Amino acid sequence: MYAIAINGSPRKGGNTDCIMDAVLEGAQSGDAQVEKISFCDKNISPCTGCLGCGNKDLETHCVIKDDMPGIYKRFLECDAFV
C-alpha cells in the first residue's frame, strides 16, 4: 500500500503537520509506504484559465511549469491519502 498526506498548511511543525506525521507513522507501522507532501515546500502557481490543458497527458497538460504534475502523478498512484 502507498499512502500520501497532502498538507496545505504553511506552518511546518504546526498542529496539522504533527497530526499528519502521527497518521503516517500509523500507516507505516502497518507496512504501508508513505509520503508527506507539503504545499509550502512546492512551487505551485494558480490556474490562469487559459484552457490549454484540454485532453493532454498528465505531464504536459498545463502550460504553467510548476510542481503540480508530480503531485498529480503521486496522487493517482496512491492507494490512500490524507
N, C-alpha and C. Protein backbone atom coordinates (compact mmCIF):
# COMPACT_ATOMS: atom_id res chain seq x y z
N MET A 1 0.84 -1.18 0.00
CA MET A 1 0.00 0.00 0.00
C MET A 1 0.88 1.24 0.00
N TYR A 2 0.45 2.23 -0.75
CA TYR A 2 1.14 3.51 -0.84
C TYR A 2 0.17 4.59 -0.41
N ALA A 3 0.53 5.33 0.65
CA ALA A 3 -0.33 6.39 1.17
C ALA A 3 0.42 7.71 1.14
N ILE A 4 -0.30 8.76 0.75
CA ILE A 4 0.28 10.10 0.78
C ILE A 4 -0.57 11.00 1.66
N ALA A 5 0.10 11.97 2.24
CA ALA A 5 -0.59 13.00 3.02
C ALA A 5 -0.24 14.33 2.37
N ILE A 6 -1.26 15.10 2.05
CA ILE A 6 -1.05 16.40 1.42
C ILE A 6 -1.37 17.48 2.44
N ASN A 7 -0.36 18.27 2.77
CA ASN A 7 -0.50 19.31 3.78
C ASN A 7 -0.55 20.67 3.11
N GLY A 8 -1.66 21.37 3.27
CA GLY A 8 -1.81 22.71 2.70
C GLY A 8 -1.45 23.82 3.66
N SER A 9 -1.12 23.47 4.89
CA SER A 9 -0.80 24.49 5.89
C SER A 9 0.60 25.07 5.64
N PRO A 10 0.77 26.36 5.81
CA PRO A 10 2.10 26.96 5.66
C PRO A 10 2.98 26.80 6.90
N ARG A 11 2.42 26.25 7.98
CA ARG A 11 3.15 26.16 9.26
C ARG A 11 3.80 24.79 9.43
N LYS A 12 5.10 24.72 9.18
CA LYS A 12 5.84 23.49 9.45
C LYS A 12 5.92 23.30 10.95
N GLY A 13 5.67 22.08 11.41
CA GLY A 13 5.70 21.80 12.84
C GLY A 13 4.45 22.22 13.57
N GLY A 14 3.45 22.70 12.83
CA GLY A 14 2.19 23.11 13.44
C GLY A 14 1.30 21.91 13.71
N ASN A 15 0.08 22.17 14.16
CA ASN A 15 -0.85 21.09 14.52
C ASN A 15 -1.12 20.14 13.36
N THR A 16 -1.42 20.67 12.19
CA THR A 16 -1.73 19.82 11.04
C THR A 16 -0.54 18.96 10.68
N ASP A 17 0.64 19.53 10.68
CA ASP A 17 1.86 18.81 10.36
C ASP A 17 2.10 17.67 11.35
N CYS A 18 1.92 17.94 12.62
CA CYS A 18 2.13 16.92 13.66
C CYS A 18 1.09 15.80 13.56
N ILE A 19 -0.15 16.15 13.29
CA ILE A 19 -1.20 15.13 13.14
C ILE A 19 -0.92 14.26 11.93
N MET A 20 -0.50 14.87 10.84
CA MET A 20 -0.18 14.09 9.64
C MET A 20 0.97 13.13 9.90
N ASP A 21 1.98 13.57 10.64
CA ASP A 21 3.09 12.69 10.99
C ASP A 21 2.59 11.48 11.77
N ALA A 22 1.68 11.69 12.70
CA ALA A 22 1.14 10.60 13.51
C ALA A 22 0.34 9.62 12.64
N VAL A 23 -0.46 10.15 11.74
CA VAL A 23 -1.25 9.29 10.85
C VAL A 23 -0.32 8.47 9.96
N LEU A 24 0.69 9.11 9.40
CA LEU A 24 1.62 8.39 8.52
C LEU A 24 2.45 7.37 9.29
N GLU A 25 2.78 7.69 10.52
CA GLU A 25 3.50 6.74 11.36
C GLU A 25 2.66 5.48 11.58
N GLY A 26 1.36 5.67 11.83
CA GLY A 26 0.46 4.54 11.99
C GLY A 26 0.35 3.71 10.73
N ALA A 27 0.27 4.37 9.59
CA ALA A 27 0.20 3.65 8.31
C ALA A 27 1.49 2.89 8.04
N GLN A 28 2.61 3.51 8.38
CA GLN A 28 3.91 2.89 8.18
C GLN A 28 4.06 1.65 9.07
N SER A 29 3.52 1.70 10.27
CA SER A 29 3.60 0.54 11.16
C SER A 29 2.78 -0.62 10.63
N GLY A 30 1.84 -0.33 9.74
CA GLY A 30 1.06 -1.36 9.07
C GLY A 30 1.66 -1.74 7.73
N ASP A 31 2.93 -1.46 7.53
CA ASP A 31 3.70 -1.81 6.33
C ASP A 31 3.34 -1.01 5.09
N ALA A 32 2.76 0.14 5.24
CA ALA A 32 2.47 1.00 4.09
C ALA A 32 3.70 1.85 3.76
N GLN A 33 3.90 2.12 2.49
CA GLN A 33 4.89 3.09 2.06
C GLN A 33 4.19 4.44 2.13
N VAL A 34 4.81 5.42 2.77
CA VAL A 34 4.14 6.70 2.99
C VAL A 34 4.98 7.86 2.47
N GLU A 35 4.28 8.94 2.18
CA GLU A 35 4.94 10.17 1.74
C GLU A 35 4.09 11.35 2.17
N LYS A 36 4.75 12.39 2.65
CA LYS A 36 4.06 13.62 3.01
C LYS A 36 4.46 14.71 2.03
N ILE A 37 3.48 15.37 1.47
CA ILE A 37 3.71 16.45 0.53
C ILE A 37 3.21 17.74 1.18
N SER A 38 4.11 18.69 1.35
CA SER A 38 3.75 19.98 1.93
C SER A 38 3.73 21.03 0.83
N PHE A 39 2.57 21.62 0.61
CA PHE A 39 2.44 22.62 -0.44
C PHE A 39 3.38 23.80 -0.22
N CYS A 40 3.69 24.12 1.04
CA CYS A 40 4.56 25.27 1.29
C CYS A 40 5.99 25.03 0.79
N ASP A 41 6.35 23.77 0.54
CA ASP A 41 7.68 23.45 0.01
C ASP A 41 7.69 23.38 -1.51
N LYS A 42 6.55 23.55 -2.13
CA LYS A 42 6.42 23.36 -3.57
C LYS A 42 6.22 24.68 -4.30
N ASN A 43 6.59 24.68 -5.55
CA ASN A 43 6.34 25.82 -6.43
C ASN A 43 5.02 25.53 -7.13
N ILE A 44 3.95 26.19 -6.69
CA ILE A 44 2.62 25.96 -7.24
C ILE A 44 2.03 27.31 -7.64
N SER A 45 1.66 27.40 -8.90
CA SER A 45 1.06 28.63 -9.43
C SER A 45 -0.43 28.41 -9.64
N PRO A 46 -1.23 29.47 -9.53
CA PRO A 46 -2.66 29.31 -9.73
C PRO A 46 -3.01 29.13 -11.21
N CYS A 47 -4.15 28.53 -11.45
CA CYS A 47 -4.66 28.37 -12.80
C CYS A 47 -4.98 29.75 -13.38
N THR A 48 -4.61 29.94 -14.63
CA THR A 48 -4.89 31.22 -15.30
C THR A 48 -6.15 31.16 -16.17
N GLY A 49 -6.76 29.97 -16.27
CA GLY A 49 -7.97 29.82 -17.06
C GLY A 49 -7.74 29.87 -18.55
N CYS A 50 -6.55 29.51 -19.01
CA CYS A 50 -6.22 29.62 -20.44
C CYS A 50 -6.83 28.50 -21.27
N LEU A 51 -7.33 27.45 -20.62
CA LEU A 51 -7.93 26.28 -21.27
C LEU A 51 -6.94 25.52 -22.15
N GLY A 52 -5.65 25.67 -21.87
CA GLY A 52 -4.61 24.97 -22.62
C GLY A 52 -4.47 23.51 -22.23
N CYS A 53 -5.13 23.10 -21.17
CA CYS A 53 -4.97 21.73 -20.67
C CYS A 53 -5.67 20.71 -21.56
N GLY A 54 -6.85 20.98 -22.01
CA GLY A 54 -7.58 20.10 -22.92
C GLY A 54 -7.51 18.64 -22.53
N ASN A 55 -7.22 17.78 -23.49
CA ASN A 55 -7.11 16.33 -23.27
C ASN A 55 -5.67 15.87 -23.37
N LYS A 56 -4.77 16.58 -22.75
CA LYS A 56 -3.35 16.25 -22.83
C LYS A 56 -2.95 15.28 -21.74
N ASP A 57 -1.75 14.70 -21.89
CA ASP A 57 -1.19 13.80 -20.89
C ASP A 57 -0.94 14.55 -19.59
N LEU A 58 -0.88 13.80 -18.51
CA LEU A 58 -0.70 14.37 -17.18
C LEU A 58 0.56 15.23 -17.09
N GLU A 59 1.65 14.79 -17.68
CA GLU A 59 2.92 15.51 -17.57
C GLU A 59 2.93 16.82 -18.37
N THR A 60 2.09 16.92 -19.40
CA THR A 60 2.14 18.09 -20.27
C THR A 60 0.81 18.83 -20.33
N HIS A 61 -0.09 18.52 -19.42
CA HIS A 61 -1.45 19.06 -19.53
C HIS A 61 -1.56 20.56 -19.25
N CYS A 62 -0.61 21.11 -18.55
CA CYS A 62 -0.72 22.52 -18.16
C CYS A 62 0.45 23.32 -18.73
N VAL A 63 0.14 24.52 -19.19
CA VAL A 63 1.19 25.38 -19.74
C VAL A 63 2.04 26.00 -18.63
N ILE A 64 1.54 26.00 -17.40
CA ILE A 64 2.29 26.54 -16.27
C ILE A 64 3.26 25.46 -15.78
N LYS A 65 4.52 25.77 -15.75
CA LYS A 65 5.54 24.81 -15.35
C LYS A 65 5.81 24.98 -13.84
N ASP A 66 5.18 24.11 -13.06
CA ASP A 66 5.38 24.14 -11.61
C ASP A 66 5.45 22.70 -11.10
N ASP A 67 5.28 22.50 -9.82
CA ASP A 67 5.42 21.17 -9.22
C ASP A 67 4.14 20.33 -9.24
N MET A 68 3.04 20.86 -9.75
CA MET A 68 1.77 20.15 -9.70
C MET A 68 1.74 18.83 -10.49
N PRO A 69 2.34 18.72 -11.68
CA PRO A 69 2.28 17.44 -12.38
C PRO A 69 2.82 16.27 -11.55
N GLY A 70 3.90 16.48 -10.82
CA GLY A 70 4.44 15.43 -9.96
C GLY A 70 3.50 15.08 -8.83
N ILE A 71 2.83 16.07 -8.28
CA ILE A 71 1.86 15.83 -7.21
C ILE A 71 0.66 15.08 -7.76
N TYR A 72 0.17 15.47 -8.93
CA TYR A 72 -0.94 14.76 -9.55
C TYR A 72 -0.59 13.28 -9.76
N LYS A 73 0.63 13.05 -10.25
CA LYS A 73 1.07 11.67 -10.52
C LYS A 73 1.07 10.84 -9.24
N ARG A 74 1.63 11.37 -8.17
CA ARG A 74 1.66 10.64 -6.91
C ARG A 74 0.25 10.38 -6.38
N PHE A 75 -0.61 11.38 -6.55
CA PHE A 75 -2.00 11.24 -6.09
C PHE A 75 -2.69 10.10 -6.84
N LEU A 76 -2.48 10.00 -8.13
CA LEU A 76 -3.10 8.95 -8.92
C LEU A 76 -2.52 7.57 -8.61
N GLU A 77 -1.27 7.52 -8.18
CA GLU A 77 -0.62 6.25 -7.87
C GLU A 77 -0.93 5.73 -6.47
N CYS A 78 -1.37 6.59 -5.58
CA CYS A 78 -1.54 6.19 -4.18
C CYS A 78 -2.80 5.33 -4.00
N ASP A 79 -2.76 4.54 -2.93
CA ASP A 79 -3.91 3.72 -2.54
C ASP A 79 -4.77 4.44 -1.51
N ALA A 80 -4.16 5.36 -0.78
CA ALA A 80 -4.87 6.12 0.26
C ALA A 80 -4.21 7.48 0.39
N PHE A 81 -5.03 8.47 0.81
CA PHE A 81 -4.47 9.80 1.02
C PHE A 81 -5.14 10.46 2.20
N VAL A 82 -4.39 11.39 2.79
CA VAL A 82 -4.87 12.17 3.92
C VAL A 82 -4.75 13.63 3.53
